[in-house]
PDB file of N, CA and C in Angstrom:
ATOM      1  N   MET A   1     255.925  58.199 178.823  1.00  0.00           N
ATOM      2  CA  MET A   1     256.572  59.086 177.886  1.00  0.00           C
ATOM      3  C   MET A   1     258.100  58.947 177.952  1.00  0.00           C
ATOM      4  N   LYS A   2     258.598  58.746 179.152  1.00  0.00           N
ATOM      5  CA  LYS A   2     260.041  58.599 179.326  1.00  0.00           C
ATOM      6  C   LYS A   2     260.540  57.349 178.600  1.00  0.00           C
ATOM      7  N   ARG A   3     259.770  56.269 178.629  1.00  0.00           N
ATOM      8  CA  ARG A   3     260.158  55.035 177.945  1.00  0.00           C
ATOM      9  C   ARG A   3     260.239  55.233 176.441  1.00  0.00           C
ATOM     10  N   VAL A   4     259.304  55.980 175.891  1.00  0.00           N
ATOM     11  CA  VAL A   4     259.306  56.240 174.456  1.00  0.00           C
ATOM     12  C   VAL A   4     260.552  57.038 174.082  1.00  0.00           C
ATOM     13  N   PHE A   5     260.911  58.022 174.892  1.00  0.00           N
ATOM     14  CA  PHE A   5     262.103  58.826 174.631  1.00  0.00           C
ATOM     15  C   PHE A   5     263.358  57.961 174.660  1.00  0.00           C
ATOM     16  N   VAL A   6     263.475  57.110 175.672  1.00  0.00           N
ATOM     17  CA  VAL A   6     264.633  56.229 175.786  1.00  0.00           C
ATOM     18  C   VAL A   6     264.684  55.270 174.606  1.00  0.00           C
ATOM     19  N   PHE A   7     263.560  54.725 174.201  1.00  0.00           N
ATOM     20  CA  PHE A   7     263.493  53.829 173.056  1.00  0.00           C
ATOM     21  C   PHE A   7     263.957  54.542 171.785  1.00  0.00           C
ATOM     22  N   CYS A   8     263.512  55.774 171.583  1.00  0.00           N
ATOM     23  CA  CYS A   8     263.911  56.536 170.393  1.00  0.00           C
ATOM     24  C   CYS A   8     265.415  56.798 170.393  1.00  0.00           C
ATOM     25  N   ILE A   9     265.970  57.136 171.537  1.00  0.00           N
ATOM     26  CA  ILE A   9     267.414  57.375 171.631  1.00  0.00           C
ATOM     27  C   ILE A   9     268.175  56.090 171.309  1.00  0.00           C
ATOM     28  N   LEU A  10     267.737  54.962 171.832  1.00  0.00           N
ATOM     29  CA  LEU A  10     268.396  53.682 171.551  1.00  0.00           C
ATOM     30  C   LEU A  10     268.327  53.334 170.077  1.00  0.00           C
ATOM     31  N   MET A  11     267.221  53.593 169.437  1.00  0.00           N
ATOM     32  CA  MET A  11     267.083  53.302 168.017  1.00  0.00           C
ATOM     33  C   MET A  11     268.003  54.195 167.181  1.00  0.00           C
ATOM     34  N   LEU A  12     268.142  55.450 167.562  1.00  0.00           N
ATOM     35  CA  LEU A  12     269.060  56.346 166.855  1.00  0.00           C
ATOM     36  C   LEU A  12     270.495  55.881 167.007  1.00  0.00           C
ATOM     37  N   MET A  13     270.863  55.428 168.194  1.00  0.00           N
ATOM     38  CA  MET A  13     272.215  54.938 168.431  1.00  0.00           C
ATOM     39  C   MET A  13     272.470  53.674 167.625  1.00  0.00           C
ATOM     40  N   LEU A  14     271.516  52.777 167.575  1.00  0.00           N
ATOM     41  CA  LEU A  14     271.651  51.549 166.802  1.00  0.00           C
ATOM     42  C   LEU A  14     271.795  51.867 165.317  1.00  0.00           C
ATOM     43  N   GLY A  15     271.025  52.808 164.830  1.00  0.00           N
ATOM     44  CA  GLY A  15     271.120  53.210 163.434  1.00  0.00           C
ATOM     45  C   GLY A  15     272.474  53.782 163.093  1.00  0.00           C
ATOM     46  N   ALA A  16     273.052  54.543 164.010  1.00  0.00           N
ATOM     47  CA  ALA A  16     274.384  55.112 163.788  1.00  0.00           C
ATOM     48  C   ALA A  16     275.434  54.016 163.735  1.00  0.00           C
ATOM     49  N   CYS A  17     275.277  52.981 164.523  1.00  0.00           N
ATOM     50  CA  CYS A  17     276.232  51.879 164.530  1.00  0.00           C
ATOM     51  C   CYS A  17     276.223  51.117 163.206  1.00  0.00           C
ATOM     52  N   LEU A  18     275.090  51.033 162.573  1.00  0.00           N
ATOM     53  CA  LEU A  18     274.982  50.294 161.324  1.00  0.00           C
ATOM     54  C   LEU A  18     275.665  51.010 160.169  1.00  0.00           C
ATOM     55  N   GLU A  19     275.931  52.299 160.323  1.00  0.00           N
ATOM     56  CA  GLU A  19     276.572  53.066 159.275  1.00  0.00           C
ATOM     57  C   GLU A  19     278.070  52.804 159.207  1.00  0.00           C
ATOM     58  N   ILE A  20     278.645  52.207 160.250  1.00  0.00           N
ATOM     59  CA  ILE A  20     280.086  51.992 160.330  1.00  0.00           C
ATOM     60  C   ILE A  20     280.395  50.528 160.026  1.00  0.00           C
ATOM     61  N   GLU A  21     281.295  50.318 159.071  1.00  0.00           N
ATOM     62  CA  GLU A  21     281.744  48.972 158.727  1.00  0.00           C
ATOM     63  C   GLU A  21     283.187  48.808 159.187  1.00  0.00           C
ATOM     64  N   GLU A  22     283.459  47.763 159.924  1.00  0.00           N
ATOM     65  CA  GLU A  22     284.812  47.495 160.403  1.00  0.00           C
ATOM     66  C   GLU A  22     285.448  46.422 159.530  1.00  0.00           C
ATOM     67  N   ILE A  23     286.663  46.673 159.062  1.00  0.00           N
ATOM     68  CA  ILE A  23     287.399  45.721 158.243  1.00  0.00           C
ATOM     69  C   ILE A  23     288.678  45.369 158.980  1.00  0.00           C
ATOM     70  N   ASN A  24     288.862  44.087 159.261  1.00  0.00           N
ATOM     71  CA  ASN A  24     289.996  43.620 160.048  1.00  0.00           C
ATOM     72  C   ASN A  24     291.059  42.946 159.187  1.00  0.00           C
ATOM     73  N   SER A  25     291.497  43.628 158.163  1.00  0.00           N
ATOM     74  CA  SER A  25     292.582  43.128 157.323  1.00  0.00           C
ATOM     75  C   SER A  25     293.351  44.323 156.784  1.00  0.00           C
ATOM     76  N   SER A  26     294.485  44.067 156.180  1.00  0.00           N
ATOM     77  CA  SER A  26     295.263  45.167 155.616  1.00  0.00           C
ATOM     78  C   SER A  26     294.523  45.751 154.412  1.00  0.00           C
ATOM     79  N   CYS A  27     294.700  47.062 154.215  1.00  0.00           N
ATOM     80  CA  CYS A  27     294.007  47.752 153.136  1.00  0.00           C
ATOM     81  C   CYS A  27     294.971  48.663 152.393  1.00  0.00           C
ATOM     82  N   THR A  28     294.656  48.911 151.144  1.00  0.00           N
ATOM     83  CA  THR A  28     295.395  49.827 150.299  1.00  0.00           C
ATOM     84  C   THR A  28     294.440  50.919 149.850  1.00  0.00           C
ATOM     85  N   VAL A  29     294.854  52.169 150.028  1.00  0.00           N
ATOM     86  CA  VAL A  29     294.025  53.305 149.643  1.00  0.00           C
ATOM     87  C   VAL A  29     294.759  54.090 148.564  1.00  0.00           C
ATOM     88  N   LEU A  30     294.100  54.301 147.421  1.00  0.00           N
ATOM     89  CA  LEU A  30     294.652  55.117 146.345  1.00  0.00           C
ATOM     90  C   LEU A  30     294.159  56.544 146.544  1.00  0.00           C
ATOM     91  N   LEU A  31     295.082  57.442 146.861  1.00  0.00           N
ATOM     92  CA  LEU A  31     294.734  58.840 147.108  1.00  0.00           C
ATOM     93  C   LEU A  31     294.608  59.606 145.795  1.00  0.00           C
ATOM     94  N   ASN A  32     293.924  60.735 145.839  1.00  0.00           N
ATOM     95  CA  ASN A  32     293.692  61.533 144.629  1.00  0.00           C
ATOM     96  C   ASN A  32     294.974  62.020 143.975  1.00  0.00           C
ATOM     97  N   ASP A  33     296.033  62.210 144.764  1.00  0.00           N
ATOM     98  CA  ASP A  33     297.289  62.697 144.185  1.00  0.00           C
ATOM     99  C   ASP A  33     298.116  61.583 143.544  1.00  0.00           C
ATOM    100  N   GLY A  34     297.571  60.358 143.514  1.00  0.00           N
ATOM    101  CA  GLY A  34     298.245  59.229 142.897  1.00  0.00           C
ATOM    102  C   GLY A  34     299.074  58.396 143.847  1.00  0.00           C
ATOM    103  N   SER A  35     299.267  58.870 145.084  1.00  0.00           N
ATOM    104  CA  SER A  35     300.029  58.088 146.057  1.00  0.00           C
ATOM    105  C   SER A  35     299.164  56.980 146.641  1.00  0.00           C
ATOM    106  N   VAL A  36     299.840  55.980 147.168  1.00  0.00           N
ATOM    107  CA  VAL A  36     299.157  54.811 147.728  1.00  0.00           C
ATOM    108  C   VAL A  36     299.466  54.737 149.213  1.00  0.00           C
ATOM    109  N   LEU A  37     298.452  54.523 150.006  1.00  0.00           N
ATOM    110  CA  LEU A  37     298.592  54.393 151.450  1.00  0.00           C
ATOM    111  C   LEU A  37     298.311  52.949 151.833  1.00  0.00           C
ATOM    112  N   GLU A  38     299.280  52.293 152.456  1.00  0.00           N
ATOM    113  CA  GLU A  38     299.110  50.924 152.943  1.00  0.00           C
ATOM    114  C   GLU A  38     298.751  50.980 154.426  1.00  0.00           C
ATOM    115  N   ILE A  39     297.633  50.389 154.788  1.00  0.00           N
ATOM    116  CA  ILE A  39     297.178  50.373 156.179  1.00  0.00           C
ATOM    117  C   ILE A  39     297.196  48.927 156.644  1.00  0.00           C
ATOM    118  N   SER A  40     297.998  48.649 157.657  1.00  0.00           N
ATOM    119  CA  SER A  40     298.149  47.266 158.104  1.00  0.00           C
ATOM    120  C   SER A  40     297.234  46.912 159.268  1.00  0.00           C
ATOM    121  N   ARG A  41     296.592  47.891 159.867  1.00  0.00           N
ATOM    122  CA  ARG A  41     295.683  47.640 160.987  1.00  0.00           C
ATOM    123  C   ARG A  41     294.243  47.741 160.510  1.00  0.00           C
ATOM    124  N   ASP A  42     293.318  47.375 161.377  1.00  0.00           N
ATOM    125  CA  ASP A  42     291.908  47.422 161.000  1.00  0.00           C
ATOM    126  C   ASP A  42     291.464  48.860 160.724  1.00  0.00           C
ATOM    127  N   ILE A  43     290.474  48.983 159.862  1.00  0.00           N
ATOM    128  CA  ILE A  43     289.919  50.287 159.511  1.00  0.00           C
ATOM    129  C   ILE A  43     288.419  50.270 159.762  1.00  0.00           C
ATOM    130  N   ARG A  44     287.864  51.450 159.824  1.00  0.00           N
ATOM    131  CA  ARG A  44     286.421  51.613 159.915  1.00  0.00           C
ATOM    132  C   ARG A  44     285.997  52.568 158.803  1.00  0.00           C
ATOM    133  N   ILE A  45     284.914  52.220 158.141  1.00  0.00           N
ATOM    134  CA  ILE A  45     284.410  53.032 157.041  1.00  0.00           C
ATOM    135  C   ILE A  45     282.997  53.470 157.379  1.00  0.00           C
ATOM    136  N   ASN A  46     282.764  54.761 157.319  1.00  0.00           N
ATOM    137  CA  ASN A  46     281.423  55.285 157.487  1.00  0.00           C
ATOM    138  C   ASN A  46     280.732  55.151 156.137  1.00  0.00           C
ATOM    139  N   ASN A  47     279.760  54.271 156.050  1.00  0.00           N
ATOM    140  CA  ASN A  47     279.097  53.991 154.776  1.00  0.00           C
ATOM    141  C   ASN A  47     278.305  55.182 154.248  1.00  0.00           C
ATOM    142  N   GLU A  48     277.905  56.068 155.128  1.00  0.00           N
ATOM    143  CA  GLU A  48     277.137  57.238 154.697  1.00  0.00           C
ATOM    144  C   GLU A  48     278.042  58.307 154.084  1.00  0.00           C
ATOM    145  N   THR A  49     279.196  58.562 154.715  1.00  0.00           N
ATOM    146  CA  THR A  49     280.074  59.641 154.242  1.00  0.00           C
ATOM    147  C   THR A  49     281.265  59.143 153.436  1.00  0.00           C
ATOM    148  N   GLY A  50     281.613  57.848 153.539  1.00  0.00           N
ATOM    149  CA  GLY A  50     282.766  57.307 152.849  1.00  0.00           C
ATOM    150  C   GLY A  50     284.080  57.553 153.564  1.00  0.00           C
ATOM    151  N   THR A  51     284.038  58.111 154.762  1.00  0.00           N
ATOM    152  CA  THR A  51     285.256  58.409 155.513  1.00  0.00           C
ATOM    153  C   THR A  51     285.883  57.124 156.045  1.00  0.00           C
ATOM    154  N   ILE A  52     287.197  56.992 155.830  1.00  0.00           N
ATOM    155  CA  ILE A  52     287.969  55.857 156.336  1.00  0.00           C
ATOM    156  C   ILE A  52     288.730  56.328 157.564  1.00  0.00           C
ATOM    157  N   THR A  53     288.606  55.608 158.672  1.00  0.00           N
ATOM    158  CA  THR A  53     289.312  55.946 159.903  1.00  0.00           C
ATOM    159  C   THR A  53     290.201  54.771 160.280  1.00  0.00           C
ATOM    160  N   TYR A  54     291.443  55.083 160.679  1.00  0.00           N
ATOM    161  CA  TYR A  54     292.401  54.029 161.023  1.00  0.00           C
ATOM    162  C   TYR A  54     293.429  54.561 162.012  1.00  0.00           C
ATOM    163  N   ARG A  55     294.198  53.656 162.593  1.00  0.00           N
ATOM    164  CA  ARG A  55     295.307  54.022 163.468  1.00  0.00           C
ATOM    165  C   ARG A  55     296.610  53.606 162.792  1.00  0.00           C
ATOM    166  N   ASP A  56     297.609  54.480 162.881  1.00  0.00           N
ATOM    167  CA  ASP A  56     298.901  54.158 162.289  1.00  0.00           C
ATOM    168  C   ASP A  56     299.733  53.320 163.251  1.00  0.00           C
ATOM    169  N   GLU A  57     300.976  53.031 162.865  1.00  0.00           N
ATOM    170  CA  GLU A  57     301.843  52.175 163.677  1.00  0.00           C
ATOM    171  C   GLU A  57     302.198  52.818 165.020  1.00  0.00           C
ATOM    172  N   ASN A  58     302.029  54.143 165.147  1.00  0.00           N
ATOM    173  CA  ASN A  58     302.279  54.839 166.416  1.00  0.00           C
ATOM    174  C   ASN A  58     300.997  55.043 167.210  1.00  0.00           C
ATOM    175  N   ASP A  59     299.918  54.376 166.785  1.00  0.00           N
ATOM    176  CA  ASP A  59     298.609  54.400 167.432  1.00  0.00           C
ATOM    177  C   ASP A  59     297.911  55.764 167.337  1.00  0.00           C
ATOM    178  N   ARG A  60     298.332  56.587 166.379  1.00  0.00           N
ATOM    179  CA  ARG A  60     297.641  57.862 166.152  1.00  0.00           C
ATOM    180  C   ARG A  60     296.435  57.612 165.251  1.00  0.00           C
ATOM    181  N   LEU A  61     295.354  58.309 165.538  1.00  0.00           N
ATOM    182  CA  LEU A  61     294.107  58.155 164.800  1.00  0.00           C
ATOM    183  C   LEU A  61     294.083  59.098 163.604  1.00  0.00           C
ATOM    184  N   TRP A  62     293.729  58.550 162.418  1.00  0.00           N
ATOM    185  CA  TRP A  62     293.671  59.317 161.184  1.00  0.00           C
ATOM    186  C   TRP A  62     292.342  59.070 160.480  1.00  0.00           C
ATOM    187  N   SER A  63     291.905  60.049 159.715  1.00  0.00           N
ATOM    188  CA  SER A  63     290.713  59.907 158.877  1.00  0.00           C
ATOM    189  C   SER A  63     291.042  60.367 157.471  1.00  0.00           C
ATOM    190  N   ILE A  64     290.526  59.649 156.500  1.00  0.00           N
ATOM    191  CA  ILE A  64     290.658  60.021 155.093  1.00  0.00           C
ATOM    192  C   ILE A  64     289.239  60.217 154.569  1.00  0.00           C
ATOM    193  N   PHE A  65     288.974  61.402 154.094  1.00  0.00           N
ATOM    194  CA  PHE A  65     287.632  61.722 153.623  1.00  0.00           C
ATOM    195  C   PHE A  65     287.437  61.276 152.174  1.00  0.00           C
ATOM    196  N   LYS A  66     286.207  60.999 151.823  1.00  0.00           N
ATOM    197  CA  LYS A  66     285.858  60.476 150.499  1.00  0.00           C
ATOM    198  C   LYS A  66     286.424  61.345 149.376  1.00  0.00           C
ATOM    199  N   GLU A  67     286.429  62.644 149.550  1.00  0.00           N
ATOM    200  CA  GLU A  67     286.928  63.527 148.501  1.00  0.00           C
ATOM    201  C   GLU A  67     288.455  63.497 148.378  1.00  0.00           C
ATOM    202  N   ASP A  68     289.135  62.808 149.307  1.00  0.00           N
ATOM    203  CA  ASP A  68     290.601  62.732 149.291  1.00  0.00           C
ATOM    204  C   ASP A  68     291.149  61.429 148.704  1.00  0.00           C
ATOM    205  N   TYR A  69     290.290  60.449 148.425  1.00  0.00           N
ATOM    206  CA  TYR A  69     290.781  59.199 147.846  1.00  0.00           C
ATOM    207  C   TYR A  69     289.908  58.754 146.678  1.00  0.00           C
ATOM    208  N   GLU A  70     290.538  58.014 145.766  1.00  0.00           N
ATOM    209  CA  GLU A  70     289.835  57.495 144.591  1.00  0.00           C
ATOM    210  C   GLU A  70     289.193  56.145 144.862  1.00  0.00           C
ATOM    211  N   SER A  71     289.946  55.259 145.544  1.00  0.00           N
ATOM    212  CA  SER A  71     289.432  53.924 145.799  1.00  0.00           C
ATOM    213  C   SER A  71     290.229  53.292 146.938  1.00  0.00           C
ATOM    214  N   PHE A  72     289.717  52.171 147.420  1.00  0.00           N
ATOM    215  CA  PHE A  72     290.451  51.380 148.411  1.00  0.00           C
ATOM    216  C   PHE A  72     290.115  49.912 148.203  1.00  0.00           C
ATOM    217  N   SER A  73     291.037  49.060 148.629  1.00  0.00           N
ATOM    218  CA  SER A  73     290.784  47.616 148.585  1.00  0.00           C
ATOM    219  C   SER A  73     291.394  46.998 149.839  1.00  0.00           C
ATOM    220  N   CYS A  74     290.733  45.980 150.327  1.00  0.00           N
ATOM    221  CA  CYS A  74     291.172  45.310 151.553  1.00  0.00           C
ATOM    222  C   CYS A  74     291.168  43.811 151.339  1.00  0.00           C
ATOM    223  N   GLY A  75     292.014  43.144 152.086  1.00  0.00           N
ATOM    224  CA  GLY A  75     292.078  41.692 152.010  1.00  0.00           C
ATOM    225  C   GLY A  75     293.490  41.213 151.833  1.00  0.00           C
ATOM    226  N   ASN A  76     293.625  39.926 151.796  1.00  0.00           N
ATOM    227  CA  ASN A  76     294.965  39.319 151.678  1.00  0.00           C
ATOM    228  C   ASN A  76     295.516  39.380 150.295  1.00  0.00           C
TER     229      ASN A  76
END
């Protein structure tokens, strides 16, 4: 029974990992107020919620929720 429990926990953790997409290039985010946010470091996007998480140039962690931005694009 203990093995089944551990297996279920591992599968849940693996499933949670698949929800996050990491993008290792600069990105531009168009916010709802019309301003544009340029992100030069890698970002992570939660595919389920649409939340974008990134670190700024001072290494502070920020999140932008789906309801706060219109679109984003990444790449060179």
